[in-house]
Amino acid sequence: MPPEISEFLKTVWNLIQPILDYVWLFIKTWWWVPLPFILWKPARYFWLFWRIEKWITRQKRILLEIKIPEESLKPIRAMEDVFTGLWQGFYDPPNWYEKWWEGKIIVGFQLETVSINGEVHFYIRCPDYRRDIVETHIYSQYPEAEITLAEDYTRYVPQDMPNKDWDLWATDYMLEKPDPYPIKTYKDFETEAESEEEKRIDPVASLLESMAKIKPGEQLWVQIHAYPISEEYAESFFKEGLALKDKLAKRPEAPEPKPMIQEAAEILITGKPAEEEEPPSFELVAPELRLTPGEKEIIVGVERKISKPPFKCSMRFIYLGKREVWFKANLRLAIAFFGHYVTEHLNAPFPLGRTITKIKRNWYNWFWFIDRRLYLRRRKLLRQYRERFNPMFPRAADRKTGEFILNTEELASLYHFPSRAVAPAPTVPRVEAKKGEAPPELPVE
């Protein structure tokens, strides 16, 4: 190295070294000052997560099986009334102490439609202390139904699937568009222009018929999580829905008023008072009258969705069975069921890519243990179904990761009890005869 350059570098180092020494001394002495600000957010998250887990482990969960009446003439709207009552019964937001010290959260329930060896069952899983609420609201609309405590059917299959004897395929679901857009509901399947025979179109009935045809050794589980959303989350959902409705109706946005301090500062800087905006020009035809039929339908759908009690939901299904009878094409039974609720201009449920039982091969990860990753994904999906976790557990999820908002009408469209006239499958357990109370004059001793 030339002596000139060496001398220059030495001079620079002599100038910088005292500064570096001072900085290092400052860090050694005061390193702990920013630490609480850096660790506050993760510490807050892990504290709340720990308290919630402690609270959840103390809650006893039960599985209730619902056997529907032989001839239930109740419309699907009756199930919507059930969910409206459940929303009222389960909505119990915690206060500050309950949330941050006890770990209390708003609890929900799971709606499960299951076929085991071709025999179909309806289940609702809920906390034990909410059992009376579930039974009360179901009996209020289906007085002849039979509700019994059931064993958890997920415990009667090998817990180490997939293995040499059993295989499975599973996925969670997400919504294509923002939450205020509704999915197709029973009101879209049943229109006044259709005859009584045509009104029997029911995706749940189609699912039950398909479930009844699977063979011994096969099982198909469909699960829907639902719990009332918090007031803060509901407020943002309603605001999003109203903003979307105004945008679709082509209504001009009201300008936000400037803060008084900002207006005063602008006058001091520019020396001119704020100019008033010119009123919008008068339009001969109102924006609402220029909407296309599709836009009108979207606005009606959004208004209908935000007008009913909302639930935070997630959906999934698992098709599993013994390898000698496992037929992969049967997973289309559940995919076709969810496909009934798809609309092009509103919302659409579709499989969540990161949970599909498939690992995509491409040029940069074809060698990264494809088979092993697929095996671990299957094990994870089975565990999440069995433990009733959300798709991204232990992380929180949103619409793009498998949790979204459905109202009572949408839930009733996905889970209800069709009559034998609509779903005549003989393997659907039903209450064959109406049960009555004993005569009052019957002696008891």
Protein backbone atom coordinates (compact mmCIF):
# COMPACT_ATOMS: atom_id res chain seq x y z
CA MET A 1 0.00 0.00 0.00
CA PRO A 2 1.40 3.45 -0.88
CA PRO A 3 2.51 5.45 2.16
CA GLU A 4 0.14 8.33 1.28
CA ILE A 5 -2.92 6.08 1.45
CA SER A 6 -1.68 4.40 4.61
CA GLU A 7 -1.15 7.78 6.25
CA PHE A 8 -4.63 8.94 5.18
CA LEU A 9 -6.34 5.84 6.61
CA LYS A 10 -4.41 6.21 9.84
CA THR A 11 -5.55 9.81 10.16
CA VAL A 12 -9.18 8.84 9.51
CA TRP A 13 -9.00 6.08 12.10
CA ASN A 14 -7.56 8.44 14.70
CA LEU A 15 -10.52 10.75 14.07
CA ILE A 16 -13.15 8.01 14.20
CA GLN A 17 -11.78 5.95 17.11
CA PRO A 18 -12.80 8.38 19.90
CA ILE A 19 -16.32 8.51 18.49
CA LEU A 20 -16.56 4.71 18.32
CA ASP A 21 -15.18 4.39 21.85
CA TYR A 22 -17.80 6.85 23.11
CA VAL A 23 -20.61 5.01 21.29
CA TRP A 24 -19.49 1.65 22.66
CA LEU A 25 -19.27 3.05 26.19
CA PHE A 26 -22.77 4.50 25.84
CA ILE A 27 -24.17 1.15 24.62
CA LYS A 28 -22.48 -0.78 27.45
CA THR A 29 -23.92 1.60 30.02
CA TRP A 30 -27.43 2.25 28.69
CA TRP A 31 -28.26 -0.86 26.61
CA TRP A 32 -31.15 -1.74 28.92
CA VAL A 33 -33.07 1.53 28.34
CA PRO A 34 -34.69 0.64 24.95
CA LEU A 35 -35.14 -3.01 25.93
CA PRO A 36 -38.63 -2.62 27.48
CA PHE A 37 -39.86 -0.76 24.39
CA ILE A 38 -38.51 -3.49 22.10
CA LEU A 39 -39.84 -6.40 24.16
CA TRP A 40 -43.17 -4.84 25.15
CA LYS A 41 -45.16 -6.03 22.14
CA PRO A 42 -43.92 -9.66 22.08
CA ALA A 43 -44.15 -9.89 25.89
CA ARG A 44 -47.73 -8.62 25.74
CA TYR A 45 -48.60 -11.16 23.04
CA PHE A 46 -47.06 -14.14 24.86
CA TRP A 47 -48.64 -13.14 28.18
CA LEU A 48 -52.10 -12.99 26.65
CA PHE A 49 -51.54 -16.23 24.73
CA TRP A 50 -50.48 -18.01 27.95
CA ARG A 51 -53.46 -16.71 29.94
CA ILE A 52 -55.91 -17.68 27.17
CA GLU A 53 -54.44 -21.18 26.96
CA LYS A 54 -54.75 -21.58 30.74
CA TRP A 55 -58.38 -20.44 30.61
CA ILE A 56 -59.25 -22.70 27.67
CA THR A 57 -57.80 -25.79 29.35
CA ARG A 58 -60.21 -25.25 32.26
CA GLN A 59 -63.26 -25.27 29.98
CA LYS A 60 -64.90 -28.65 29.53
CA ARG A 61 -66.08 -29.24 25.97
CA ILE A 62 -68.84 -31.65 25.01
CA LEU A 63 -70.17 -33.08 21.76
CA LEU A 64 -73.92 -33.10 21.22
CA GLU A 65 -75.57 -35.24 18.55
CA ILE A 66 -78.83 -33.99 17.04
CA LYS A 67 -81.25 -36.50 15.58
CA ILE A 68 -83.77 -34.72 13.42
CA PRO A 69 -87.50 -35.48 13.24
CA GLU A 70 -88.79 -37.99 10.72
CA GLU A 71 -90.82 -35.38 8.86
CA SER A 72 -89.51 -31.93 9.66
CA LEU A 73 -91.54 -29.32 7.80
CA LYS A 74 -89.53 -26.46 9.23
CA PRO A 75 -88.02 -24.07 6.66
CA ILE A 76 -84.31 -23.30 6.69
CA ARG A 77 -85.25 -19.97 8.24
CA ALA A 78 -85.91 -21.87 11.48
CA MET A 79 -82.21 -22.75 11.69
CA GLU A 80 -81.38 -19.09 11.12
CA ASP A 81 -83.49 -18.28 14.19
CA VAL A 82 -81.51 -20.91 16.12
CA PHE A 83 -78.22 -19.23 15.23
CA THR A 84 -79.62 -15.82 16.12
CA GLY A 85 -80.43 -17.18 19.58
CA LEU A 86 -77.00 -18.80 19.87
CA TRP A 87 -75.35 -15.50 19.02
CA GLN A 88 -77.19 -13.87 21.92
CA GLY A 89 -76.38 -16.75 24.26
CA PHE A 90 -72.67 -17.03 23.41
CA TYR A 91 -71.85 -13.33 23.16
CA ASP A 92 -70.19 -12.55 26.48
CA PRO A 93 -67.22 -10.20 25.93
CA PRO A 94 -64.66 -10.10 28.76
CA ASN A 95 -63.76 -6.93 30.62
CA TRP A 96 -60.16 -5.77 31.07
CA TYR A 97 -59.47 -7.94 34.12
CA GLU A 98 -61.09 -11.04 32.62
CA LYS A 99 -59.14 -10.65 29.38
CA TRP A 100 -55.65 -9.83 30.65
CA TRP A 101 -55.59 -11.73 33.95
CA GLU A 102 -58.04 -14.61 33.62
CA GLY A 103 -57.54 -15.04 29.85
CA LYS A 104 -61.26 -15.18 29.12
CA ILE A 105 -62.37 -14.99 25.48
CA ILE A 106 -65.67 -15.11 23.62
CA VAL A 107 -66.34 -18.82 23.20
CA GLY A 108 -67.98 -20.37 20.17
CA PHE A 109 -69.13 -23.71 18.87
CA GLN A 110 -68.38 -26.16 16.07
CA LEU A 111 -70.98 -27.43 13.61
CA GLU A 112 -70.05 -30.86 12.28
CA THR A 113 -71.71 -32.97 9.61
CA VAL A 114 -70.11 -36.40 9.60
CA SER A 115 -70.43 -39.63 7.65
CA ILE A 116 -68.94 -42.73 9.26
CA ASN A 117 -69.15 -45.85 7.09
CA GLY A 118 -72.06 -44.23 5.24
CA GLU A 119 -74.03 -43.31 8.38
CA VAL A 120 -74.62 -39.56 8.66
CA HIS A 121 -74.57 -37.61 11.94
CA PHE A 122 -75.16 -34.00 12.96
CA TYR A 123 -73.01 -32.74 15.84
CA ILE A 124 -72.53 -29.48 17.72
CA ARG A 125 -69.48 -29.12 19.95
CA CYS A 126 -69.73 -26.47 22.66
CA PRO A 127 -68.63 -25.72 26.24
CA ASP A 128 -70.47 -27.77 28.84
CA TYR A 129 -71.81 -24.64 30.57
CA ARG A 130 -73.43 -23.55 27.27
CA ARG A 131 -75.25 -26.84 26.71
CA ASP A 132 -78.58 -25.53 27.97
CA ILE A 133 -78.41 -22.59 25.56
CA VAL A 134 -77.82 -24.88 22.57
CA GLU A 135 -80.58 -27.29 23.56
CA THR A 136 -83.07 -24.52 24.32
CA HIS A 137 -82.74 -22.84 20.95
CA ILE A 138 -82.79 -26.09 18.96
CA TYR A 139 -85.84 -27.39 20.81
CA SER A 140 -87.59 -24.04 20.32
CA GLN A 141 -87.56 -24.59 16.55
CA TYR A 142 -87.37 -28.40 16.39
CA PRO A 143 -89.38 -29.59 19.42
CA GLU A 144 -89.37 -33.20 18.21
CA ALA A 145 -85.59 -33.38 17.75
CA GLU A 146 -83.48 -35.56 20.03
CA ILE A 147 -80.23 -34.18 21.49
CA THR A 148 -77.86 -36.56 23.25
CA LEU A 149 -74.33 -36.44 24.60
CA ALA A 150 -71.97 -38.24 22.21
CA GLU A 151 -68.42 -39.56 22.28
CA ASP A 152 -65.87 -37.73 20.15
CA TYR A 153 -65.80 -39.70 16.89
CA THR A 154 -62.34 -38.36 16.00
CA ARG A 155 -60.83 -40.54 18.78
CA TYR A 156 -61.91 -43.77 17.10
CA VAL A 157 -59.56 -43.52 14.13
CA PRO A 158 -55.77 -43.97 14.21
CA GLN A 159 -54.15 -40.80 15.50
CA ASP A 160 -50.97 -41.42 13.48
CA MET A 161 -52.59 -41.10 10.06
CA PRO A 162 -51.48 -41.35 7.34
CA ASN A 163 -49.98 -44.78 7.92
CA LYS A 164 -49.74 -48.09 6.09
CA ASP A 165 -53.43 -48.85 6.72
CA TRP A 166 -55.14 -45.42 6.57
CA ASP A 167 -54.93 -42.37 4.31
CA LEU A 168 -56.55 -38.93 4.35
CA TRP A 169 -57.08 -35.75 2.33
CA ALA A 170 -58.08 -32.43 3.89
CA THR A 171 -58.23 -28.69 3.38
CA ASP A 172 -59.42 -25.50 5.03
CA TYR A 173 -61.45 -22.86 3.22
CA MET A 174 -61.23 -19.10 2.70
CA LEU A 175 -63.40 -16.46 1.04
CA GLU A 176 -62.40 -14.90 -2.25
CA LYS A 177 -63.64 -11.36 -1.52
CA PRO A 178 -63.82 -9.12 1.58
CA ASP A 179 -66.15 -10.11 4.41
CA PRO A 180 -69.09 -7.80 3.54
CA TYR A 181 -69.69 -9.74 0.31
CA PRO A 182 -72.11 -12.60 1.10
CA ILE A 183 -71.95 -16.15 -0.16
CA LYS A 184 -74.96 -17.76 -1.82
CA THR A 185 -77.66 -18.51 0.75
CA TYR A 186 -80.88 -20.48 0.96
CA LYS A 187 -82.83 -17.38 -0.11
CA ASP A 188 -80.99 -17.52 -3.42
CA PHE A 189 -81.84 -21.21 -3.87
CA GLU A 190 -85.53 -20.71 -3.15
CA THR A 191 -87.25 -18.06 -5.24
CA GLU A 192 -90.93 -17.30 -5.41
CA ALA A 193 -90.98 -18.02 -9.15
CA GLU A 194 -90.17 -21.70 -8.56
CA SER A 195 -92.73 -24.39 -7.95
CA GLU A 196 -92.93 -26.33 -4.69
CA GLU A 197 -91.04 -29.25 -6.21
CA GLU A 198 -88.28 -26.97 -7.49
CA LYS A 199 -87.98 -25.34 -4.07
CA ARG A 200 -86.48 -28.56 -2.76
CA ILE A 201 -83.04 -27.57 -4.07
CA ASP A 202 -80.82 -27.86 -0.99
CA PRO A 203 -76.99 -28.26 -1.00
CA VAL A 204 -77.07 -29.85 2.47
CA ALA A 205 -79.49 -32.50 1.20
CA SER A 206 -77.12 -33.22 -1.70
CA LEU A 207 -74.23 -33.57 0.76
CA LEU A 208 -76.20 -36.00 2.94
CA GLU A 209 -77.13 -38.13 -0.07
CA SER A 210 -73.47 -38.26 -1.12
CA MET A 211 -72.30 -39.04 2.41
CA ALA A 212 -74.78 -41.90 2.66
CA LYS A 213 -73.17 -43.63 -0.32
CA ILE A 214 -69.61 -43.93 0.96
CA LYS A 215 -68.47 -47.44 1.83
CA PRO A 216 -67.64 -49.09 5.16
CA GLY A 217 -64.12 -48.09 6.13
CA GLU A 218 -64.53 -44.57 4.72
CA GLN A 219 -65.34 -41.38 6.64
CA LEU A 220 -66.08 -37.80 5.59
CA TRP A 221 -66.01 -35.01 8.17
CA VAL A 222 -67.20 -31.43 7.52
CA GLN A 223 -66.54 -28.87 10.24
CA ILE A 224 -67.56 -25.22 10.64
CA HIS A 225 -66.23 -23.06 13.50
CA ALA A 226 -68.40 -20.14 14.62
CA TYR A 227 -68.14 -17.67 17.46
CA PRO A 228 -69.63 -14.17 17.93
CA ILE A 229 -67.16 -11.47 17.03
CA SER A 230 -66.12 -8.78 19.47
CA GLU A 231 -67.65 -5.32 19.44
CA GLU A 232 -64.46 -3.73 18.10
CA TYR A 233 -64.20 -6.22 15.23
CA ALA A 234 -67.92 -5.95 14.48
CA GLU A 235 -67.68 -2.16 14.25
CA SER A 236 -64.90 -2.34 11.67
CA PHE A 237 -66.89 -4.96 9.73
CA PHE A 238 -70.00 -2.76 9.63
CA LYS A 239 -67.96 0.29 8.60
CA GLU A 240 -66.33 -1.70 5.81
CA GLY A 241 -69.74 -2.90 4.63
CA LEU A 242 -71.27 0.59 4.63
CA ALA A 243 -68.26 2.04 2.79
CA LEU A 244 -68.47 -0.74 0.21
CA LYS A 245 -72.19 -0.14 -0.26
CA ASP A 246 -71.68 3.61 -0.78
CA LYS A 247 -68.85 2.95 -3.22
CA LEU A 248 -70.96 0.55 -5.25
CA ALA A 249 -73.85 3.03 -5.24
CA LYS A 250 -71.42 5.65 -6.62
CA ARG A 251 -72.18 8.07 -3.82
CA PRO A 252 -69.61 10.86 -3.37
CA GLU A 253 -67.50 10.54 -0.25
CA ALA A 254 -68.07 13.24 2.33
CA PRO A 255 -64.82 15.21 2.84
CA GLU A 256 -63.32 14.84 6.28
CA PRO A 257 -63.21 18.15 8.18
CA LYS A 258 -59.73 19.50 8.85
CA PRO A 259 -58.60 19.88 12.46
CA MET A 260 -58.82 23.44 13.78
CA ILE A 261 -55.06 23.56 14.46
CA GLN A 262 -54.30 22.55 10.86
CA GLU A 263 -56.60 25.25 9.46
CA ALA A 264 -55.02 27.89 11.72
CA ALA A 265 -51.52 26.82 10.66
CA GLU A 266 -52.45 27.04 6.97
CA ILE A 267 -53.80 30.59 7.45
CA LEU A 268 -50.63 31.67 9.31
CA ILE A 269 -48.35 30.19 6.65
CA THR A 270 -50.22 31.23 3.50
CA GLY A 271 -52.01 34.29 4.86
CA LYS A 272 -55.20 33.22 3.10
CA PRO A 273 -58.33 31.74 4.60
CA ALA A 274 -59.19 28.22 3.53
CA GLU A 275 -61.23 28.25 0.34
CA GLU A 276 -64.57 26.55 0.48
CA GLU A 277 -65.00 23.69 -1.94
CA GLU A 278 -67.53 24.17 -4.67
CA PRO A 279 -70.69 22.12 -4.21
CA PRO A 280 -70.94 19.15 -6.58
CA SER A 281 -72.76 19.81 -9.81
CA PHE A 282 -76.40 18.76 -9.99
CA GLU A 283 -76.99 15.48 -11.82
CA LEU A 284 -80.24 14.89 -13.62
CA VAL A 285 -80.17 11.11 -12.95
CA ALA A 286 -79.31 9.88 -9.46
CA PRO A 287 -76.29 7.52 -9.26
CA GLU A 288 -78.50 4.75 -7.86
CA LEU A 289 -80.58 4.75 -11.04
CA ARG A 290 -77.53 4.14 -13.22
CA LEU A 291 -76.64 0.87 -11.50
CA THR A 292 -76.63 -2.35 -13.48
CA PRO A 293 -78.76 -5.29 -12.25
CA GLY A 294 -75.60 -7.01 -11.01
CA GLU A 295 -74.51 -3.95 -9.02
CA LYS A 296 -77.96 -3.66 -7.47
CA GLU A 297 -77.80 -7.32 -6.43
CA ILE A 298 -74.41 -6.77 -4.79
CA ILE A 299 -75.70 -3.79 -2.81
CA VAL A 300 -78.76 -5.74 -1.66
CA GLY A 301 -76.52 -8.67 -0.65
CA VAL A 302 -74.11 -6.46 1.30
CA GLU A 303 -76.99 -4.70 3.09
CA ARG A 304 -78.53 -8.05 3.97
CA LYS A 305 -75.25 -9.41 5.32
CA ILE A 306 -74.38 -6.50 7.60
CA SER A 307 -77.94 -6.35 8.94
CA LYS A 308 -77.75 -9.74 10.71
CA PRO A 309 -75.66 -11.00 13.67
CA PRO A 310 -72.12 -11.85 12.50
CA PHE A 311 -69.93 -14.81 13.44
CA LYS A 312 -66.20 -15.27 12.92
CA CYS A 313 -65.98 -18.57 11.08
CA SER A 314 -63.68 -21.10 9.49
CA MET A 315 -64.52 -24.21 7.47
CA ARG A 316 -62.72 -27.44 6.64
CA PHE A 317 -63.29 -31.05 5.70
CA ILE A 318 -61.38 -34.32 5.92
CA TYR A 319 -61.91 -37.42 3.82
CA LEU A 320 -60.21 -40.46 5.35
CA GLY A 321 -60.43 -44.20 5.15
CA LYS A 322 -58.69 -47.54 5.02
CA ARG A 323 -56.38 -47.85 2.04
CA GLU A 324 -58.19 -50.84 0.56
CA VAL A 325 -61.40 -48.78 0.16
CA TRP A 326 -60.01 -45.23 0.11
CA PHE A 327 -61.15 -43.59 -3.13
CA LYS A 328 -59.59 -40.17 -3.65
CA ALA A 329 -62.36 -39.00 -5.99
CA ASN A 330 -64.78 -39.02 -3.03
CA LEU A 331 -63.19 -35.83 -1.69
CA ARG A 332 -65.10 -34.11 -4.49
CA LEU A 333 -68.27 -34.72 -2.50
CA ALA A 334 -67.30 -32.03 0.02
CA ILE A 335 -65.73 -29.77 -2.61
CA ALA A 336 -68.98 -29.89 -4.61
CA PHE A 337 -70.96 -29.05 -1.45
CA PHE A 338 -69.02 -25.84 -0.82
CA GLY A 339 -69.15 -25.08 -4.54
CA HIS A 340 -72.93 -24.65 -4.30
CA TYR A 341 -72.36 -21.40 -2.38
CA VAL A 342 -70.17 -19.75 -5.03
CA THR A 343 -71.37 -16.65 -6.88
CA GLU A 344 -69.33 -14.82 -9.50
CA HIS A 345 -70.27 -11.28 -8.48
CA LEU A 346 -70.61 -11.81 -4.71
CA ASN A 347 -68.41 -14.13 -2.63
CA ALA A 348 -67.05 -17.61 -3.04
CA PRO A 349 -65.56 -20.15 -0.61
CA PHE A 350 -62.59 -22.00 -2.05
CA PRO A 351 -59.77 -24.18 -0.65
CA LEU A 352 -57.01 -22.40 1.25
CA GLY A 353 -53.86 -23.12 -0.74
CA ARG A 354 -51.46 -23.54 2.17
CA THR A 355 -53.67 -26.23 3.74
CA ILE A 356 -54.50 -28.34 0.68
CA THR A 357 -53.14 -31.87 0.98
CA LYS A 358 -50.69 -31.30 -1.84
CA ILE A 359 -47.18 -29.90 -2.15
CA LYS A 360 -46.58 -28.07 -5.41
CA ARG A 361 -43.44 -29.07 -7.26
CA ASN A 362 -41.51 -26.44 -9.17
CA TRP A 363 -37.99 -25.75 -10.33
CA TYR A 364 -36.69 -24.35 -7.02
CA ASN A 365 -38.14 -26.77 -4.44
CA TRP A 366 -38.55 -30.07 -6.26
CA PHE A 367 -35.89 -31.65 -4.03
CA TRP A 368 -36.98 -30.24 -0.65
CA PHE A 369 -38.38 -33.40 0.98
CA ILE A 370 -41.73 -33.30 -0.84
CA ASP A 371 -43.04 -36.57 0.59
CA ARG A 372 -41.99 -35.73 4.14
CA ARG A 373 -43.61 -32.27 3.99
CA LEU A 374 -46.82 -33.77 2.63
CA TYR A 375 -46.88 -36.32 5.46
CA LEU A 376 -46.41 -33.59 8.10
CA ARG A 377 -49.12 -31.45 6.53
CA ARG A 378 -51.60 -34.33 6.72
CA ARG A 379 -50.74 -34.96 10.36
CA LYS A 380 -51.17 -31.26 11.13
CA LEU A 381 -54.57 -31.06 9.40
CA LEU A 382 -55.84 -34.10 11.31
CA ARG A 383 -54.66 -32.65 14.63
CA GLN A 384 -56.23 -29.26 13.93
CA TYR A 385 -59.57 -30.88 13.12
CA ARG A 386 -59.42 -33.14 16.17
CA GLU A 387 -58.49 -30.28 18.53
CA ARG A 388 -60.82 -27.81 16.73
CA PHE A 389 -58.04 -25.28 16.14
CA ASN A 390 -58.24 -22.41 13.67
CA PRO A 391 -56.32 -22.89 10.38
CA MET A 392 -53.28 -20.84 11.43
CA PHE A 393 -53.08 -21.95 15.08
CA PRO A 394 -51.35 -20.73 17.21
CA ARG A 395 -51.32 -17.56 15.12
CA ALA A 396 -54.44 -15.49 14.54
CA ALA A 397 -56.05 -15.85 11.14
CA ASP A 398 -57.94 -13.52 8.81
CA ARG A 399 -59.91 -13.83 5.58
CA LYS A 400 -56.83 -14.68 3.53
CA THR A 401 -55.68 -17.30 6.02
CA GLY A 402 -58.93 -19.10 6.69
CA GLU A 403 -61.08 -17.02 9.09
CA PHE A 404 -63.89 -14.83 7.83
CA ILE A 405 -67.29 -13.44 8.79
CA LEU A 406 -70.59 -15.18 8.08
CA ASN A 407 -73.95 -14.03 9.36
CA THR A 408 -76.80 -16.17 10.68
CA GLU A 409 -78.39 -16.56 7.24
CA GLU A 410 -75.16 -17.87 5.71
CA LEU A 411 -74.55 -20.26 8.61
CA ALA A 412 -78.08 -21.64 8.33
CA SER A 413 -77.51 -22.24 4.62
CA LEU A 414 -74.40 -24.31 5.41
CA TYR A 415 -75.78 -26.25 8.39
CA HIS A 416 -79.44 -27.20 8.88
CA PHE A 417 -81.65 -30.26 9.18
CA PRO A 418 -83.48 -31.18 5.95
CA SER A 419 -86.56 -33.38 6.07
CA ARG A 420 -86.74 -36.90 4.66
CA ALA A 421 -88.68 -35.52 1.67
CA VAL A 422 -85.60 -33.50 0.67
CA ALA A 423 -82.92 -35.90 1.96
CA PRO A 424 -84.41 -39.41 1.82
CA ALA A 425 -81.13 -41.20 2.62
CA PRO A 426 -81.99 -44.06 5.02
CA THR A 427 -78.65 -43.76 6.85
CA VAL A 428 -79.48 -40.34 8.32
CA PRO A 429 -80.50 -41.01 11.96
CA ARG A 430 -83.96 -39.63 12.67
CA VAL A 431 -86.43 -39.61 15.51
CA GLU A 432 -88.96 -42.18 14.31
CA ALA A 433 -91.74 -41.41 16.81
CA LYS A 434 -92.72 -38.41 18.84
CA LYS A 435 -91.91 -38.76 22.51
CA GLY A 436 -94.49 -37.69 25.07
CA GLU A 437 -94.53 -37.25 28.81
CA ALA A 438 -95.96 -39.87 31.14
CA PRO A 439 -99.65 -39.47 32.04
CA PRO A 440 -100.07 -37.30 35.15
CA GLU A 441 -102.21 -39.96 36.87
CA LEU A 442 -99.50 -42.65 36.53
CA PRO A 443 -98.45 -43.84 40.05
CA VAL A 444 -94.77 -43.39 40.87
CA GLU A 445 -94.61 -45.56 44.02
